[in-house]
Amino acid sequence: MIAIINVILPIFALMGLGFGAVRLKLFPAEGIKSLIAFVNNFATPCLLFHSLVTSDFAAAFNPAIIGPFYIGALTCFVLGIVIALRGFGNSPGVAVSVGFSGMFTNTVLVGLPIIQRAYGVDALPVVLSIIGLHGAILLTTGMITIELMRRDGASLGRTLVTAGKRVASNPLIWGIAAGMVGYFAGLQLIEPADAFLRMMSQAVVPAALFGIGGALNEFKLSDNWQQALIAALIKLIVHPAIAYVLMIWVFHVPMEIARYGILLSAMPAGVNVYIFATYYNRGVSVAANTILIATMASALTISLWLYILSL
């Protein structure tokens, strides 16, 4: 238990510092978006590129880990939609937004720092093999589903083009793609380049956690907190539970490797669920509340999963 506290406490202390700094006006609220932009557009792509070029990525690409992660995510998506439709009587478009809130993981701003803190750099190749597909699979799935279900939807072809542009314009995808090219080309980094990438990579953890903590000041609980709570529980409990069962009991992946994928699936909802909801103007308050509730509750649930994965 002490080991779990040692992993979790610094992570959420950094989040708390960011939240308190913005709340007390010690750090400008408008600066948080710039900080997160730095993490997403510069520091994390450098981390992804460097990790892929310097690791055994081919050995880490394990379908028995990647498959259960995405099976769990898509199952949570469907579950969230069904509950929103039948349990709360939402319109189809809002239901898809709620389902998306229970499916999309904060893999970068929370996932990478926690997993790196818990398991070290050895976990990164496996984690990156999942992150590399994350936006492409889940964002496209969410966009296609909402366009098909809402009455004012665009054509399927237009939806696919829009989803493709969003994925292709993501700097995280650029970092992963460049890293894979460099890995398979046998790229050897010279010392100045290696040092630069290492310094940029080291900025990810503190900047990401401070930034997500500060960003939580933007979200307030509203009348839709019940739906958000359910979406948060789906994300924090159901997703990792499905991943655990499939990886450990079905595919018999060794725990020392499976835990990377399981813990990543236990991360809270990412900021992209709010972006998705505002883009379609469907379930915006649910998405915002899900981020707030899931991020706060994840301090407890992630500790629980760390304990389970250590048994």
Protein backbone atom coordinates (compact mmCIF):
# COMPACT_ATOMS: atom_id res chain seq x y z
CA MET A 1 0.00 0.00 0.00
CA ILE A 2 2.88 2.39 0.75
CA ALA A 3 4.25 1.74 -2.74
CA ILE A 4 0.87 2.64 -4.27
CA ILE A 5 0.70 5.84 -2.25
CA ASN A 6 4.22 6.71 -3.38
CA VAL A 7 3.08 6.34 -7.01
CA ILE A 8 -0.24 8.15 -6.73
CA LEU A 9 0.52 10.98 -4.30
CA PRO A 10 3.05 12.94 -6.43
CA ILE A 11 0.80 12.57 -9.50
CA PHE A 12 -2.29 14.03 -7.88
CA ALA A 13 -0.24 16.53 -5.89
CA LEU A 14 0.88 18.01 -9.22
CA MET A 15 -2.73 18.10 -10.40
CA GLY A 16 -3.75 19.74 -7.13
CA LEU A 17 -0.98 22.30 -7.51
CA GLY A 18 -2.25 23.23 -10.96
CA PHE A 19 -5.84 23.42 -9.76
CA GLY A 20 -4.94 25.54 -6.73
CA ALA A 21 -2.62 27.82 -8.66
CA VAL A 22 -5.37 28.72 -11.12
CA ARG A 23 -8.11 28.89 -8.48
CA LEU A 24 -6.00 31.26 -6.33
CA LYS A 25 -4.98 33.26 -9.41
CA LEU A 26 -1.31 32.44 -8.92
CA PHE A 27 -1.22 31.14 -12.50
CA PRO A 28 -3.28 32.70 -15.32
CA ALA A 29 -6.23 30.56 -16.39
CA GLU A 30 -5.64 31.51 -20.01
CA GLY A 31 -2.12 30.11 -19.73
CA ILE A 32 -3.40 26.59 -19.09
CA LYS A 33 -4.52 26.14 -22.69
CA SER A 34 -1.09 27.21 -23.88
CA LEU A 35 0.58 24.82 -21.44
CA ILE A 36 -1.56 21.90 -22.61
CA ALA A 37 -0.89 22.90 -26.22
CA PHE A 38 2.84 22.72 -25.50
CA VAL A 39 2.41 19.24 -24.02
CA ASN A 40 0.23 17.93 -26.84
CA ASN A 41 1.91 19.63 -29.78
CA PHE A 42 5.59 19.59 -28.82
CA ALA A 43 6.70 17.74 -25.69
CA THR A 44 4.63 14.57 -26.07
CA PRO A 45 5.38 14.09 -29.80
CA CYS A 46 9.07 14.27 -28.86
CA LEU A 47 8.50 11.67 -26.12
CA LEU A 48 6.63 9.39 -28.51
CA PHE A 49 9.26 9.74 -31.23
CA HIS A 50 12.18 9.17 -28.87
CA SER A 51 10.56 6.20 -27.13
CA LEU A 52 9.75 4.47 -30.41
CA VAL A 53 13.17 5.04 -31.96
CA THR A 54 15.04 3.80 -28.89
CA SER A 55 12.80 0.84 -27.93
CA ASP A 56 11.94 -2.60 -29.27
CA PHE A 57 8.59 -1.46 -30.61
CA ALA A 58 7.99 -4.53 -32.78
CA ALA A 59 8.21 -6.83 -29.77
CA ALA A 60 5.87 -4.55 -27.78
CA PHE A 61 3.13 -4.57 -30.44
CA ASN A 62 0.96 -7.28 -28.89
CA PRO A 63 -2.56 -7.86 -30.28
CA ALA A 64 -3.45 -9.70 -27.05
CA ILE A 65 -3.05 -6.35 -25.25
CA ILE A 66 -4.21 -3.94 -27.94
CA GLY A 67 -7.32 -5.97 -28.82
CA PRO A 68 -8.75 -6.19 -25.27
CA PHE A 69 -8.14 -2.48 -24.71
CA TYR A 70 -10.22 -1.52 -27.74
CA ILE A 71 -12.84 -4.23 -27.25
CA GLY A 72 -13.34 -2.83 -23.75
CA ALA A 73 -13.49 0.76 -25.03
CA LEU A 74 -16.05 -0.02 -27.73
CA THR A 75 -18.13 -2.07 -25.29
CA CYS A 76 -18.20 0.92 -22.93
CA PHE A 77 -19.24 3.13 -25.85
CA VAL A 78 -22.24 0.93 -26.61
CA LEU A 79 -23.10 0.56 -22.91
CA GLY A 80 -23.04 4.32 -22.40
CA ILE A 81 -25.29 4.90 -25.40
CA VAL A 82 -27.83 2.28 -24.28
CA ILE A 83 -27.99 3.67 -20.72
CA ALA A 84 -28.34 7.23 -22.00
CA LEU A 85 -31.15 6.24 -24.38
CA ARG A 86 -33.14 3.88 -22.17
CA GLY A 87 -32.22 5.03 -18.69
CA PHE A 88 -32.31 8.79 -19.18
CA GLY A 89 -34.39 9.17 -22.34
CA ASN A 90 -31.79 11.19 -24.21
CA SER A 91 -31.90 11.91 -27.91
CA PRO A 92 -29.65 9.71 -30.08
CA GLY A 93 -27.07 12.45 -30.59
CA VAL A 94 -26.76 13.18 -26.87
CA ALA A 95 -26.61 9.44 -26.14
CA VAL A 96 -23.61 9.05 -28.46
CA SER A 97 -21.87 11.95 -26.71
CA VAL A 98 -22.49 10.27 -23.33
CA GLY A 99 -21.17 6.97 -24.68
CA PHE A 100 -18.09 8.74 -26.03
CA SER A 101 -17.48 10.17 -22.56
CA GLY A 102 -17.35 6.63 -21.19
CA MET A 103 -15.06 5.39 -23.94
CA PHE A 104 -12.30 7.91 -24.63
CA THR A 105 -9.26 7.67 -22.36
CA ASN A 106 -6.93 10.44 -21.23
CA THR A 107 -3.93 8.51 -22.48
CA VAL A 108 -1.46 11.40 -22.69
CA LEU A 109 -2.06 14.00 -19.98
CA VAL A 110 -2.81 11.43 -17.25
CA GLY A 111 -2.06 7.96 -18.62
CA LEU A 112 1.57 8.44 -19.64
CA PRO A 113 2.66 10.18 -16.40
CA ILE A 114 0.99 7.64 -14.11
CA ILE A 115 2.16 4.55 -15.98
CA GLN A 116 5.68 5.90 -16.31
CA ARG A 117 5.68 6.68 -12.59
CA ALA A 118 4.28 3.25 -11.70
CA TYR A 119 6.21 0.98 -14.06
CA GLY A 120 9.04 3.06 -15.53
CA VAL A 121 10.14 3.52 -19.12
CA ASP A 122 9.87 -0.22 -19.83
CA ALA A 123 6.09 0.23 -20.07
CA LEU A 124 6.25 2.92 -22.75
CA PRO A 125 6.57 0.74 -25.90
CA VAL A 126 3.42 -1.23 -24.99
CA VAL A 127 1.56 1.93 -24.01
CA LEU A 128 2.58 3.70 -27.22
CA SER A 129 1.36 0.78 -29.32
CA ILE A 130 -2.11 1.49 -27.87
CA ILE A 131 -1.90 5.28 -28.01
CA GLY A 132 -0.88 5.14 -31.65
CA LEU A 133 -4.29 3.76 -32.58
CA HIS A 134 -6.36 5.52 -29.93
CA GLY A 135 -7.49 8.65 -31.70
CA ALA A 136 -7.75 7.00 -35.10
CA ILE A 137 -10.06 4.22 -33.89
CA LEU A 138 -12.16 5.89 -31.20
CA LEU A 139 -12.55 9.38 -32.68
CA THR A 140 -13.56 7.93 -36.05
CA THR A 141 -15.99 5.53 -34.37
CA GLY A 142 -17.57 8.32 -32.34
CA MET A 143 -17.92 10.67 -35.32
CA ILE A 144 -19.40 8.07 -37.62
CA THR A 145 -21.84 6.87 -34.96
CA ILE A 146 -23.13 10.34 -34.08
CA GLU A 147 -23.52 11.29 -37.74
CA LEU A 148 -25.54 8.14 -38.38
CA MET A 149 -27.73 8.50 -35.27
CA ARG A 150 -28.55 12.19 -35.13
CA ARG A 151 -31.21 13.40 -37.54
CA ASP A 152 -29.23 16.32 -38.88
CA GLY A 153 -26.18 14.23 -39.63
CA ALA A 154 -23.86 14.70 -42.56
CA SER A 155 -23.15 12.06 -45.16
CA LEU A 156 -20.99 9.10 -44.22
CA GLY A 157 -18.36 10.09 -46.78
CA ARG A 158 -18.10 13.61 -45.38
CA THR A 159 -17.85 12.21 -41.88
CA LEU A 160 -14.97 9.91 -42.85
CA VAL A 161 -13.13 12.81 -44.50
CA THR A 162 -13.61 15.02 -41.41
CA ALA A 163 -12.45 12.24 -39.08
CA GLY A 164 -9.45 11.56 -41.29
CA LYS A 165 -8.43 15.22 -41.28
CA ARG A 166 -8.73 15.43 -37.49
CA VAL A 167 -6.58 12.35 -37.00
CA ALA A 168 -4.00 13.35 -39.61
CA SER A 169 -3.64 16.86 -38.13
CA ASN A 170 -2.85 15.54 -34.65
CA PRO A 171 0.82 16.17 -33.70
CA LEU A 172 0.73 13.05 -31.51
CA ILE A 173 0.13 11.00 -34.64
CA TRP A 174 3.02 12.78 -36.31
CA GLY A 175 5.34 11.85 -33.44
CA ILE A 176 4.25 8.22 -33.55
CA ALA A 177 4.47 7.99 -37.33
CA ALA A 178 7.93 9.57 -37.42
CA GLY A 179 9.07 7.32 -34.59
CA MET A 180 7.88 4.19 -36.39
CA VAL A 181 9.62 5.27 -39.59
CA GLY A 182 12.79 5.95 -37.63
CA TYR A 183 12.54 2.63 -35.79
CA PHE A 184 12.12 0.49 -38.90
CA ALA A 185 14.78 2.51 -40.74
CA GLY A 186 17.25 1.78 -37.95
CA LEU A 187 17.75 5.46 -37.09
CA GLN A 188 20.54 6.13 -34.61
CA LEU A 189 20.24 9.44 -32.77
CA ILE A 190 23.37 11.56 -32.40
CA GLU A 191 24.05 12.96 -28.92
CA PRO A 192 22.67 16.51 -29.38
CA ALA A 193 19.44 15.16 -30.88
CA ASP A 194 19.10 12.51 -28.19
CA ALA A 195 19.69 15.09 -25.44
CA PHE A 196 17.15 17.48 -26.96
CA LEU A 197 14.48 14.78 -27.17
CA ARG A 198 15.18 13.60 -23.63
CA MET A 199 14.81 17.12 -22.24
CA MET A 200 11.55 17.62 -24.10
CA SER A 201 10.30 14.23 -22.89
CA GLN A 202 11.07 15.11 -19.28
CA ALA A 203 8.77 18.11 -19.56
CA VAL A 204 5.70 15.97 -20.28
CA VAL A 205 4.92 14.70 -16.77
CA PRO A 206 4.98 17.95 -14.73
CA ALA A 207 3.51 20.13 -17.46
CA ALA A 208 0.72 17.68 -18.32
CA LEU A 209 -0.36 17.11 -14.74
CA PHE A 210 -0.17 20.79 -13.78
CA GLY A 211 -2.13 21.63 -16.93
CA ILE A 212 -4.93 19.11 -16.43
CA GLY A 213 -5.26 20.22 -12.80
CA GLY A 214 -5.58 23.83 -13.87
CA ALA A 215 -8.06 22.91 -16.59
CA LEU A 216 -10.41 21.34 -14.04
CA ASN A 217 -11.31 24.87 -12.90
CA GLU A 218 -13.25 25.26 -16.15
CA PHE A 219 -15.67 22.44 -15.36
CA LYS A 220 -18.54 22.80 -12.90
CA LEU A 221 -21.07 20.22 -11.74
CA SER A 222 -24.48 20.75 -13.32
CA ASP A 223 -27.89 19.10 -13.46
CA ASN A 224 -26.55 16.20 -15.52
CA TRP A 225 -24.11 14.96 -12.90
CA GLN A 226 -25.95 11.61 -12.58
CA GLN A 227 -25.28 10.72 -16.20
CA ALA A 228 -21.72 11.95 -15.87
CA LEU A 229 -21.20 9.78 -12.80
CA ILE A 230 -22.34 6.71 -14.71
CA ALA A 231 -20.10 7.57 -17.66
CA ALA A 232 -17.19 8.07 -15.25
CA LEU A 233 -17.79 4.69 -13.58
CA ILE A 234 -17.99 3.00 -16.96
CA LYS A 235 -14.63 4.54 -17.87
CA LEU A 236 -12.89 3.90 -14.54
CA ILE A 237 -14.30 0.47 -13.65
CA VAL A 238 -15.95 -1.28 -16.60
CA HIS A 239 -13.26 -0.57 -19.20
CA PRO A 240 -10.31 -1.88 -17.16
CA ALA A 241 -12.40 -4.81 -15.89
CA ILE A 242 -13.09 -5.95 -19.46
CA ALA A 243 -9.44 -5.46 -20.39
CA TYR A 244 -8.36 -7.46 -17.32
CA VAL A 245 -10.66 -10.40 -18.06
CA LEU A 246 -9.67 -10.60 -21.72
CA MET A 247 -5.92 -10.14 -21.23
CA ILE A 248 -5.46 -12.34 -18.16
CA TRP A 249 -8.22 -14.95 -18.35
CA VAL A 250 -8.79 -15.28 -22.10
CA PHE A 251 -5.45 -14.51 -23.77
CA HIS A 252 -3.27 -15.43 -20.76
CA VAL A 253 -0.96 -12.44 -21.16
CA PRO A 254 1.65 -12.36 -18.37
CA MET A 255 0.62 -9.88 -15.67
CA GLU A 256 3.95 -8.04 -15.81
CA ILE A 257 3.07 -6.99 -19.38
CA ALA A 258 -0.75 -6.96 -19.30
CA ARG A 259 -0.78 -4.48 -16.42
CA TYR A 260 0.45 -1.74 -18.76
CA GLY A 261 -2.64 -2.03 -20.95
CA ILE A 262 -5.04 -2.62 -18.07
CA LEU A 263 -3.83 0.41 -16.12
CA LEU A 264 -4.03 2.59 -19.24
CA SER A 265 -7.66 1.55 -19.68
CA ALA A 266 -8.33 2.64 -16.07
CA MET A 267 -7.43 6.26 -16.78
CA PRO A 268 -10.19 8.91 -16.64
CA ALA A 269 -11.94 10.52 -19.60
CA GLY A 270 -9.81 12.83 -21.69
CA VAL A 271 -10.41 16.46 -22.65
CA ASN A 272 -11.32 15.25 -26.15
CA VAL A 273 -14.74 14.11 -24.86
CA TYR A 274 -15.53 17.78 -24.16
CA ILE A 275 -14.18 18.83 -27.56
CA PHE A 276 -16.29 16.11 -29.20
CA ALA A 277 -19.44 17.23 -27.36
CA THR A 278 -18.97 20.92 -28.16
CA TYR A 279 -18.17 20.14 -31.80
CA TYR A 280 -21.58 18.48 -32.20
CA ASN A 281 -23.32 20.52 -29.46
CA ARG A 282 -24.60 17.30 -27.89
CA GLY A 283 -24.27 16.39 -24.20
CA VAL A 284 -21.78 19.18 -23.43
CA SER A 285 -22.59 19.37 -19.72
CA VAL A 286 -22.36 15.59 -19.36
CA ALA A 287 -18.95 15.57 -21.03
CA ALA A 288 -17.63 18.39 -18.81
CA ASN A 289 -18.96 16.74 -15.67
CA THR A 290 -17.53 13.37 -16.70
CA ILE A 291 -14.04 14.85 -16.97
CA LEU A 292 -14.37 16.48 -13.57
CA ILE A 293 -15.87 13.48 -11.76
CA ALA A 294 -13.68 10.85 -13.44
CA THR A 295 -10.45 12.76 -12.85
CA MET A 296 -11.23 13.32 -9.16
CA ALA A 297 -12.47 9.76 -8.61
CA SER A 298 -9.50 8.27 -10.44
CA ALA A 299 -7.27 8.98 -7.43
CA LEU A 300 -9.18 6.19 -5.66
CA THR A 301 -9.88 3.87 -8.59
CA ILE A 302 -6.34 3.98 -9.98
CA SER A 303 -5.03 3.11 -6.52
CA LEU A 304 -7.43 0.17 -6.48
CA TRP A 305 -6.25 -1.05 -9.87
CA LEU A 306 -2.60 -0.66 -8.90
CA TYR A 307 -3.32 -2.88 -5.89
CA ILE A 308 -5.14 -5.49 -8.02
CA LEU A 309 -2.37 -5.51 -10.62
CA SER A 310 0.27 -5.99 -7.92
CA LEU A 311 -1.31 -9.20 -6.59
